[in-house]
Amino acid sequence: FLRINEGTSPEDLAYERNLVGHLLSAGFPTPPFASMRPVTFCG
């Protein structure tokens, strides 16, 4: 699942990555990131 973030700040994305990792470690059903590397498309 590829998401192009429209109007999301890098700080918000870093927060999301950390929160998703925390939820997964607790066994909560949320999709894991396929890669944690930062990448952009059209800025």
All heavy atoms as atom14 arrays in JSON, in Angstrom:
{
  "sequence": "FLRINEGTSPEDLAYERNLVGHLLSAGFPTPPFASMRPVTFCG",
  "atom14_mask": [
    [1, 1, 1, 1, 1, 1, 1, 1, 1, 1, 1, 0, 0, 0],
    [1, 1, 1, 1, 1, 1, 1, 1, 0, 0, 0, 0, 0, 0],
    [1, 1, 1, 1, 1, 1, 1, 1, 1, 1, 1, 0, 0, 0],
    [1, 1, 1, 1, 1, 1, 1, 1, 0, 0, 0, 0, 0, 0],
    [1, 1, 1, 1, 1, 1, 1, 1, 0, 0, 0, 0, 0, 0],
    [1, 1, 1, 1, 1, 1, 1, 1, 1, 0, 0, 0, 0, 0],
    [1, 1, 1, 1, 0, 0, 0, 0, 0, 0, 0, 0, 0, 0],
    [1, 1, 1, 1, 1, 1, 1, 0, 0, 0, 0, 0, 0, 0],
    [1, 1, 1, 1, 1, 1, 0, 0, 0, 0, 0, 0, 0, 0],
    [1, 1, 1, 1, 1, 1, 1, 0, 0, 0, 0, 0, 0, 0],
    [1, 1, 1, 1, 1, 1, 1, 1, 1, 0, 0, 0, 0, 0],
    [1, 1, 1, 1, 1, 1, 1, 1, 0, 0, 0, 0, 0, 0],
    [1, 1, 1, 1, 1, 1, 1, 1, 0, 0, 0, 0, 0, 0],
    [1, 1, 1, 1, 1, 0, 0, 0, 0, 0, 0, 0, 0, 0],
    [1, 1, 1, 1, 1, 1, 1, 1, 1, 1, 1, 1, 0, 0],
    [1, 1, 1, 1, 1, 1, 1, 1, 1, 0, 0, 0, 0, 0],
    [1, 1, 1, 1, 1, 1, 1, 1, 1, 1, 1, 0, 0, 0],
    [1, 1, 1, 1, 1, 1, 1, 1, 0, 0, 0, 0, 0, 0],
    [1, 1, 1, 1, 1, 1, 1, 1, 0, 0, 0, 0, 0, 0],
    [1, 1, 1, 1, 1, 1, 1, 0, 0, 0, 0, 0, 0, 0],
    [1, 1, 1, 1, 0, 0, 0, 0, 0, 0, 0, 0, 0, 0],
    [1, 1, 1, 1, 1, 1, 1, 1, 1, 1, 0, 0, 0, 0],
    [1, 1, 1, 1, 1, 1, 1, 1, 0, 0, 0, 0, 0, 0],
    [1, 1, 1, 1, 1, 1, 1, 1, 0, 0, 0, 0, 0, 0],
    [1, 1, 1, 1, 1, 1, 0, 0, 0, 0, 0, 0, 0, 0],
    [1, 1, 1, 1, 1, 0, 0, 0, 0, 0, 0, 0, 0, 0],
    [1, 1, 1, 1, 0, 0, 0, 0, 0, 0, 0, 0, 0, 0],
    [1, 1, 1, 1, 1, 1, 1, 1, 1, 1, 1, 0, 0, 0],
    [1, 1, 1, 1, 1, 1, 1, 0, 0, 0, 0, 0, 0, 0],
    [1, 1, 1, 1, 1, 1, 1, 0, 0, 0, 0, 0, 0, 0],
    [1, 1, 1, 1, 1, 1, 1, 0, 0, 0, 0, 0, 0, 0],
    [1, 1, 1, 1, 1, 1, 1, 0, 0, 0, 0, 0, 0, 0],
    [1, 1, 1, 1, 1, 1, 1, 1, 1, 1, 1, 0, 0, 0],
    [1, 1, 1, 1, 1, 0, 0, 0, 0, 0, 0, 0, 0, 0],
    [1, 1, 1, 1, 1, 1, 0, 0, 0, 0, 0, 0, 0, 0],
    [1, 1, 1, 1, 1, 1, 1, 1, 0, 0, 0, 0, 0, 0],
    [1, 1, 1, 1, 1, 1, 1, 1, 1, 1, 1, 0, 0, 0],
    [1, 1, 1, 1, 1, 1, 1, 0, 0, 0, 0, 0, 0, 0],
    [1, 1, 1, 1, 1, 1, 1, 0, 0, 0, 0, 0, 0, 0],
    [1, 1, 1, 1, 1, 1, 1, 0, 0, 0, 0, 0, 0, 0],
    [1, 1, 1, 1, 1, 1, 1, 1, 1, 1, 1, 0, 0, 0],
    [1, 1, 1, 1, 1, 1, 0, 0, 0, 0, 0, 0, 0, 0],
    [1, 1, 1, 1, 0, 0, 0, 0, 0, 0, 0, 0, 0, 0]
  ],
  "atom14_positions": [
    [[0.88, -1.17, 0.0], [0.0, 0.0, 0.0], [0.91, 1.22, 0.0], [1.67, 1.43, 0.95], [-0.9, -0.02, 1.24], [-1.85, 1.13, 1.34], [-3.11, 1.06, 0.77], [-1.5, 2.29, 2.02], [-4.0, 2.12, 0.88], [-2.37, 3.36, 2.12], [-3.63, 3.27, 1.55], [0.0, 0.0, 0.0], [0.0, 0.0, 0.0], [0.0, 0.0, 0.0]],
    [[0.84, 2.0, -1.07], [1.7, 3.18, -1.22], [0.85, 4.43, -1.02], [-0.16, 4.6, -1.69], [2.36, 3.17, -2.59], [3.4, 4.26, -2.88], [4.43, 3.75, -3.9], [2.76, 5.56, -3.41], [0.0, 0.0, 0.0], [0.0, 0.0, 0.0], [0.0, 0.0, 0.0], [0.0, 0.0, 0.0], [0.0, 0.0, 0.0], [0.0, 0.0, 0.0]],
    [[1.29, 5.27, -0.1], [0.55, 6.5, 0.2], [1.42, 7.71, -0.08], [2.52, 7.83, 0.48], [0.12, 6.51, 1.67], [-0.76, 7.71, 2.03], [-1.12, 7.67, 3.52], [0.03, 8.03, 4.34], [0.14, 7.72, 5.64], [-0.8, 7.01, 6.24], [1.21, 8.09, 6.32], [0.0, 0.0, 0.0], [0.0, 0.0, 0.0], [0.0, 0.0, 0.0]],
    [[0.94, 8.59, -0.94], [1.58, 9.88, -1.15], [0.91, 10.86, -0.19], [-0.29, 11.13, -0.29], [1.45, 10.34, -2.61], [2.1, 9.33, -3.55], [2.09, 11.72, -2.8], [1.88, 9.62, -5.02], [0.0, 0.0, 0.0], [0.0, 0.0, 0.0], [0.0, 0.0, 0.0], [0.0, 0.0, 0.0], [0.0, 0.0, 0.0], [0.0, 0.0, 0.0]],
    [[1.68, 11.37, 0.74], [1.13, 12.2, 1.81], [0.92, 13.63, 1.31], [1.89, 14.32, 0.96], [2.08, 12.18, 3.01], [2.22, 10.8, 3.6], [1.4, 10.34, 4.36], [3.31, 10.11, 3.23], [0.0, 0.0, 0.0], [0.0, 0.0, 0.0], [0.0, 0.0, 0.0], [0.0, 0.0, 0.0], [0.0, 0.0, 0.0], [0.0, 0.0, 0.0]],
    [[-0.31, 14.04, 1.27], [-0.67, 15.37, 0.77], [-0.75, 16.33, 1.97], [-1.67, 16.27, 2.77], [-2.02, 15.32, 0.04], [-2.14, 14.21, -1.0], [-1.46, 14.54, -2.32], [-1.0, 15.69, -2.48], [-1.4, 13.65, -3.17], [0.0, 0.0, 0.0], [0.0, 0.0, 0.0], [0.0, 0.0, 0.0], [0.0, 0.0, 0.0], [0.0, 0.0, 0.0]],
    [[0.24, 17.21, 2.09], [0.2, 18.21, 3.14], [0.59, 17.71, 4.52], [0.19, 18.29, 5.52], [0.0, 0.0, 0.0], [0.0, 0.0, 0.0], [0.0, 0.0, 0.0], [0.0, 0.0, 0.0], [0.0, 0.0, 0.0], [0.0, 0.0, 0.0], [0.0, 0.0, 0.0], [0.0, 0.0, 0.0], [0.0, 0.0, 0.0], [0.0, 0.0, 0.0]],
    [[1.38, 16.64, 4.59], [1.83, 16.1, 5.87], [3.29, 16.48, 6.08], [4.11, 16.35, 5.18], [1.68, 14.57, 5.9], [0.31, 14.24, 5.7], [2.14, 14.0, 7.23], [0.0, 0.0, 0.0], [0.0, 0.0, 0.0], [0.0, 0.0, 0.0], [0.0, 0.0, 0.0], [0.0, 0.0, 0.0], [0.0, 0.0, 0.0], [0.0, 0.0, 0.0]],
    [[3.62, 16.94, 7.28], [4.98, 17.38, 7.57], [5.89, 16.19, 7.86], [5.42, 15.13, 8.28], [4.99, 18.33, 8.77], [4.7, 17.61, 9.96], [0.0, 0.0, 0.0], [0.0, 0.0, 0.0], [0.0, 0.0, 0.0], [0.0, 0.0, 0.0], [0.0, 0.0, 0.0], [0.0, 0.0, 0.0], [0.0, 0.0, 0.0], [0.0, 0.0, 0.0]],
    [[7.2, 16.34, 7.67], [8.14, 15.28, 8.04], [8.04, 14.92, 9.53], [8.22, 13.76, 9.9], [9.5, 15.88, 7.69], [9.22, 16.89, 6.63], [7.88, 17.47, 6.99], [0.0, 0.0, 0.0], [0.0, 0.0, 0.0], [0.0, 0.0, 0.0], [0.0, 0.0, 0.0], [0.0, 0.0, 0.0], [0.0, 0.0, 0.0], [0.0, 0.0, 0.0]],
    [[7.75, 15.92, 10.36], [7.62, 15.65, 11.8], [6.43, 14.75, 12.08], [6.5, 13.83, 12.91], [7.48, 16.97, 12.57], [8.71, 17.85, 12.55], [8.9, 18.61, 11.26], [7.94, 18.71, 10.47], [10.03, 19.1, 11.02], [0.0, 0.0, 0.0], [0.0, 0.0, 0.0], [0.0, 0.0, 0.0], [0.0, 0.0, 0.0], [0.0, 0.0, 0.0]],
    [[5.32, 14.97, 11.37], [4.14, 14.13, 11.55], [4.41, 12.69, 11.08], [3.95, 11.73, 11.7], [2.94, 14.69, 10.77], [2.32, 15.89, 11.46], [2.56, 16.07, 12.67], [1.6, 16.66, 10.8], [0.0, 0.0, 0.0], [0.0, 0.0, 0.0], [0.0, 0.0, 0.0], [0.0, 0.0, 0.0], [0.0, 0.0, 0.0], [0.0, 0.0, 0.0]],
    [[5.18, 12.55, 10.0], [5.49, 11.22, 9.5], [6.41, 10.48, 10.47], [6.26, 9.26, 10.68], [6.13, 11.3, 8.13], [5.2, 11.7, 6.98], [5.98, 11.81, 5.68], [4.07, 10.7, 6.83], [0.0, 0.0, 0.0], [0.0, 0.0, 0.0], [0.0, 0.0, 0.0], [0.0, 0.0, 0.0], [0.0, 0.0, 0.0], [0.0, 0.0, 0.0]],
    [[7.38, 11.18, 11.04], [8.26, 10.55, 12.03], [7.45, 10.09, 13.24], [7.67, 8.99, 13.77], [9.35, 11.51, 12.45], [0.0, 0.0, 0.0], [0.0, 0.0, 0.0], [0.0, 0.0, 0.0], [0.0, 0.0, 0.0], [0.0, 0.0, 0.0], [0.0, 0.0, 0.0], [0.0, 0.0, 0.0], [0.0, 0.0, 0.0], [0.0, 0.0, 0.0]],
    [[6.51, 10.92, 13.66], [5.63, 10.55, 14.76], [4.82, 9.3, 14.41], [4.69, 8.37, 15.21], [4.7, 11.72, 15.09], [3.63, 11.42, 16.1], [3.88, 11.58, 17.46], [2.37, 10.98, 15.71], [2.9, 11.29, 18.41], [1.39, 10.7, 16.64], [1.66, 10.87, 17.99], [0.68, 10.59, 18.91], [0.0, 0.0, 0.0], [0.0, 0.0, 0.0]],
    [[4.28, 9.27, 13.18], [3.48, 8.12, 12.76], [4.32, 6.84, 12.75], [3.85, 5.78, 13.2], [2.89, 8.36, 11.37], [2.04, 7.2, 10.88], [1.59, 7.37, 9.44], [2.34, 7.97, 8.64], [0.49, 6.9, 9.11], [0.0, 0.0, 0.0], [0.0, 0.0, 0.0], [0.0, 0.0, 0.0], [0.0, 0.0, 0.0], [0.0, 0.0, 0.0]],
    [[5.54, 6.91, 12.23], [6.39, 5.72, 12.2], [6.64, 5.18, 13.61], [6.57, 3.97, 13.85], [7.72, 6.04, 11.5], [7.62, 6.12, 9.99], [8.99, 6.11, 9.35], [9.75, 7.33, 9.66], [9.74, 8.42, 8.91], [9.0, 8.46, 7.81], [10.45, 9.47, 9.24], [0.0, 0.0, 0.0], [0.0, 0.0, 0.0], [0.0, 0.0, 0.0]],
    [[6.92, 6.09, 14.53], [7.18, 5.66, 15.91], [5.93, 5.08, 16.56], [6.0, 4.07, 17.28], [7.71, 6.83, 16.74], [9.08, 7.29, 16.28], [9.82, 6.53, 15.64], [9.43, 8.53, 16.56], [0.0, 0.0, 0.0], [0.0, 0.0, 0.0], [0.0, 0.0, 0.0], [0.0, 0.0, 0.0], [0.0, 0.0, 0.0], [0.0, 0.0, 0.0]],
    [[4.77, 5.7, 16.29], [3.53, 5.21, 16.88], [3.15, 3.85, 16.3], [2.75, 2.94, 17.06], [2.4, 6.22, 16.64], [1.01, 5.82, 17.14], [1.03, 5.53, 18.64], [-0.02, 6.9, 16.81], [0.0, 0.0, 0.0], [0.0, 0.0, 0.0], [0.0, 0.0, 0.0], [0.0, 0.0, 0.0], [0.0, 0.0, 0.0], [0.0, 0.0, 0.0]],
    [[3.29, 3.68, 15.0], [2.97, 2.39, 14.37], [3.86, 1.3, 14.95], [3.39, 0.19, 15.27], [3.12, 2.48, 12.84], [3.13, 1.09, 12.21], [1.97, 3.31, 12.25], [0.0, 0.0, 0.0], [0.0, 0.0, 0.0], [0.0, 0.0, 0.0], [0.0, 0.0, 0.0], [0.0, 0.0, 0.0], [0.0, 0.0, 0.0], [0.0, 0.0, 0.0]],
    [[5.15, 1.59, 15.09], [6.05, 0.6, 15.67], [5.65, 0.23, 17.08], [5.7, -0.96, 17.47], [0.0, 0.0, 0.0], [0.0, 0.0, 0.0], [0.0, 0.0, 0.0], [0.0, 0.0, 0.0], [0.0, 0.0, 0.0], [0.0, 0.0, 0.0], [0.0, 0.0, 0.0], [0.0, 0.0, 0.0], [0.0, 0.0, 0.0], [0.0, 0.0, 0.0]],
    [[5.23, 1.22, 17.86], [4.81, 0.96, 19.23], [3.54, 0.11, 19.26], [3.44, -0.85, 20.05], [4.56, 2.3, 19.94], [4.26, 2.17, 21.39], [5.23, 2.18, 22.37], [3.07, 2.02, 22.05], [4.68, 2.03, 23.55], [3.36, 1.95, 23.39], [0.0, 0.0, 0.0], [0.0, 0.0, 0.0], [0.0, 0.0, 0.0], [0.0, 0.0, 0.0]],
    [[2.58, 0.42, 18.4], [1.34, -0.34, 18.36], [1.58, -1.79, 17.94], [1.01, -2.72, 18.5], [0.35, 0.33, 17.41], [-0.25, 1.65, 17.89], [-0.99, 2.34, 16.75], [-1.17, 1.45, 19.08], [0.0, 0.0, 0.0], [0.0, 0.0, 0.0], [0.0, 0.0, 0.0], [0.0, 0.0, 0.0], [0.0, 0.0, 0.0], [0.0, 0.0, 0.0]],
    [[2.44, -1.98, 16.94], [2.72, -3.33, 16.47], [3.39, -4.16, 17.56], [3.1, -5.36, 17.72], [3.61, -3.29, 15.23], [2.93, -2.78, 13.94], [3.97, -2.52, 12.87], [1.88, -3.78, 13.46], [0.0, 0.0, 0.0], [0.0, 0.0, 0.0], [0.0, 0.0, 0.0], [0.0, 0.0, 0.0], [0.0, 0.0, 0.0], [0.0, 0.0, 0.0]],
    [[4.28, -3.52, 18.33], [4.95, -4.26, 19.4], [3.96, -4.69, 20.49], [4.21, -5.65, 21.21], [6.06, -3.41, 20.03], [5.52, -2.29, 20.73], [0.0, 0.0, 0.0], [0.0, 0.0, 0.0], [0.0, 0.0, 0.0], [0.0, 0.0, 0.0], [0.0, 0.0, 0.0], [0.0, 0.0, 0.0], [0.0, 0.0, 0.0], [0.0, 0.0, 0.0]],
    [[2.82, -3.98, 20.56], [1.78, -4.34, 21.53], [0.74, -5.28, 20.93], [-0.25, -5.61, 21.59], [1.11, -3.07, 22.05], [0.0, 0.0, 0.0], [0.0, 0.0, 0.0], [0.0, 0.0, 0.0], [0.0, 0.0, 0.0], [0.0, 0.0, 0.0], [0.0, 0.0, 0.0], [0.0, 0.0, 0.0], [0.0, 0.0, 0.0], [0.0, 0.0, 0.0]],
    [[0.93, -5.69, 19.68], [0.0, -6.61, 19.05], [-1.25, -5.98, 18.5], [-2.23, -6.66, 18.2], [0.0, 0.0, 0.0], [0.0, 0.0, 0.0], [0.0, 0.0, 0.0], [0.0, 0.0, 0.0], [0.0, 0.0, 0.0], [0.0, 0.0, 0.0], [0.0, 0.0, 0.0], [0.0, 0.0, 0.0], [0.0, 0.0, 0.0], [0.0, 0.0, 0.0]],
    [[-1.23, -4.66, 18.3], [-2.42, -3.97, 17.78], [-2.46, -4.12, 16.26], [-1.43, -4.0, 15.59], [-2.39, -2.5, 18.17], [-3.64, -1.74, 17.83], [-4.75, -1.83, 18.65], [-3.71, -0.96, 16.68], [-5.91, -1.14, 18.33], [-4.87, -0.28, 16.36], [-5.97, -0.37, 17.2], [0.0, 0.0, 0.0], [0.0, 0.0, 0.0], [0.0, 0.0, 0.0]],
    [[-3.66, -4.37, 15.67], [-3.74, -4.61, 14.22], [-3.67, -3.34, 13.39], [-4.67, -2.68, 13.12], [-5.1, -5.3, 14.07], [-5.93, -4.73, 15.18], [-4.97, -4.53, 16.32], [0.0, 0.0, 0.0], [0.0, 0.0, 0.0], [0.0, 0.0, 0.0], [0.0, 0.0, 0.0], [0.0, 0.0, 0.0], [0.0, 0.0, 0.0], [0.0, 0.0, 0.0]],
    [[-2.46, -2.99, 12.98], [-2.27, -1.86, 12.08], [-1.17, -2.24, 11.1], [-0.25, -3.0, 11.47], [-1.9, -0.58, 12.87], [-2.0, 0.56, 12.0], [-0.51, -0.65, 13.46], [0.0, 0.0, 0.0], [0.0, 0.0, 0.0], [0.0, 0.0, 0.0], [0.0, 0.0, 0.0], [0.0, 0.0, 0.0], [0.0, 0.0, 0.0], [0.0, 0.0, 0.0]],
    [[-1.23, -1.82, 9.85], [-0.25, -2.27, 8.86], [1.16, -1.79, 9.17], [1.36, -0.6, 9.46], [-0.76, -1.66, 7.55], [-2.21, -1.37, 7.79], [-2.3, -1.01, 9.24], [0.0, 0.0, 0.0], [0.0, 0.0, 0.0], [0.0, 0.0, 0.0], [0.0, 0.0, 0.0], [0.0, 0.0, 0.0], [0.0, 0.0, 0.0], [0.0, 0.0, 0.0]],
    [[2.15, -2.66, 9.07], [3.54, -2.24, 9.27], [4.09, -1.53, 8.04], [3.63, -1.75, 6.92], [4.28, -3.57, 9.5], [3.47, -4.56, 8.74], [2.03, -4.11, 8.85], [0.0, 0.0, 0.0], [0.0, 0.0, 0.0], [0.0, 0.0, 0.0], [0.0, 0.0, 0.0], [0.0, 0.0, 0.0], [0.0, 0.0, 0.0], [0.0, 0.0, 0.0]],
    [[5.06, -0.66, 8.27], [5.77, -0.04, 7.15], [6.58, -1.1, 6.42], [7.22, -1.95, 7.05], [6.7, 1.06, 7.65], [6.01, 2.35, 7.97], [5.49, 2.58, 9.23], [5.89, 3.34, 7.02], [4.86, 3.76, 9.54], [5.26, 4.54, 7.31], [4.74, 4.75, 8.57], [0.0, 0.0, 0.0], [0.0, 0.0, 0.0], [0.0, 0.0, 0.0]],
    [[6.59, -1.05, 5.09], [7.43, -1.95, 4.31], [8.88, -1.48, 4.33], [9.79, -2.28, 4.12], [6.93, -2.02, 2.87], [0.0, 0.0, 0.0], [0.0, 0.0, 0.0], [0.0, 0.0, 0.0], [0.0, 0.0, 0.0], [0.0, 0.0, 0.0], [0.0, 0.0, 0.0], [0.0, 0.0, 0.0], [0.0, 0.0, 0.0], [0.0, 0.0, 0.0]],
    [[9.08, -0.2, 4.55], [10.42, 0.37, 4.68], [10.3, 1.64, 5.52], [9.32, 2.38, 5.4], [11.03, 0.7, 3.32], [12.26, 1.4, 3.47], [0.0, 0.0, 0.0], [0.0, 0.0, 0.0], [0.0, 0.0, 0.0], [0.0, 0.0, 0.0], [0.0, 0.0, 0.0], [0.0, 0.0, 0.0], [0.0, 0.0, 0.0], [0.0, 0.0, 0.0]],
    [[11.31, 1.9, 6.35], [11.31, 3.09, 7.19], [12.11, 4.23, 6.56], [12.2, 5.31, 7.13], [11.89, 2.75, 8.57], [11.14, 1.65, 9.3], [9.47, 2.15, 9.79], [9.83, 3.13, 11.24], [0.0, 0.0, 0.0], [0.0, 0.0, 0.0], [0.0, 0.0, 0.0], [0.0, 0.0, 0.0], [0.0, 0.0, 0.0], [0.0, 0.0, 0.0]],
    [[12.7, 4.0, 5.39], [13.52, 5.05, 4.76], [12.64, 6.2, 4.28], [11.56, 5.97, 3.73], [14.28, 4.48, 3.56], [15.27, 3.39, 3.89], [15.97, 2.94, 2.61], [16.67, 1.68, 2.79], [17.26, 1.02, 1.8], [17.21, 1.49, 0.57], [17.87, -0.12, 2.06], [0.0, 0.0, 0.0], [0.0, 0.0, 0.0], [0.0, 0.0, 0.0]],
    [[13.11, 7.44, 4.45], [12.34, 8.57, 3.91], [12.52, 8.67, 2.4], [13.62, 8.51, 1.87], [12.96, 9.78, 4.63], [14.34, 9.35, 4.98], [14.28, 7.86, 5.23], [0.0, 0.0, 0.0], [0.0, 0.0, 0.0], [0.0, 0.0, 0.0], [0.0, 0.0, 0.0], [0.0, 0.0, 0.0], [0.0, 0.0, 0.0], [0.0, 0.0, 0.0]],
    [[11.43, 8.92, 1.67], [11.48, 9.1, 0.23], [10.36, 10.06, -0.16], [9.34, 10.14, 0.53], [11.33, 7.74, -0.5], [9.98, 7.11, -0.23], [11.56, 7.88, -2.0], [0.0, 0.0, 0.0], [0.0, 0.0, 0.0], [0.0, 0.0, 0.0], [0.0, 0.0, 0.0], [0.0, 0.0, 0.0], [0.0, 0.0, 0.0], [0.0, 0.0, 0.0]],
    [[10.56, 10.8, -1.24], [9.55, 11.77, -1.68], [9.25, 11.56, -3.15], [10.05, 10.98, -3.91], [10.03, 13.22, -1.47], [11.2, 13.46, -2.25], [10.32, 13.5, 0.0], [0.0, 0.0, 0.0], [0.0, 0.0, 0.0], [0.0, 0.0, 0.0], [0.0, 0.0, 0.0], [0.0, 0.0, 0.0], [0.0, 0.0, 0.0], [0.0, 0.0, 0.0]],
    [[8.08, 12.05, -3.57], [7.68, 12.09, -4.97], [7.02, 13.44, -5.22], [6.07, 13.81, -4.52], [6.72, 10.96, -5.31], [6.22, 10.98, -6.73], [7.07, 10.64, -7.76], [4.92, 11.38, -7.03], [6.64, 10.67, -9.09], [4.48, 11.41, -8.35], [5.34, 11.06, -9.38], [0.0, 0.0, 0.0], [0.0, 0.0, 0.0], [0.0, 0.0, 0.0]],
    [[7.55, 14.19, -6.19], [7.04, 15.55, -6.47], [7.07, 16.41, -5.21], [6.15, 17.22, -4.99], [5.64, 15.5, -7.06], [5.55, 14.75, -8.69], [0.0, 0.0, 0.0], [0.0, 0.0, 0.0], [0.0, 0.0, 0.0], [0.0, 0.0, 0.0], [0.0, 0.0, 0.0], [0.0, 0.0, 0.0], [0.0, 0.0, 0.0], [0.0, 0.0, 0.0]],
    [[8.08, 16.22, -4.39], [8.22, 17.0, -3.17], [7.33, 16.56, -2.02], [7.33, 17.18, -0.97], [0.0, 0.0, 0.0], [0.0, 0.0, 0.0], [0.0, 0.0, 0.0], [0.0, 0.0, 0.0], [0.0, 0.0, 0.0], [0.0, 0.0, 0.0], [0.0, 0.0, 0.0], [0.0, 0.0, 0.0], [0.0, 0.0, 0.0], [0.0, 0.0, 0.0]]
  ]
}
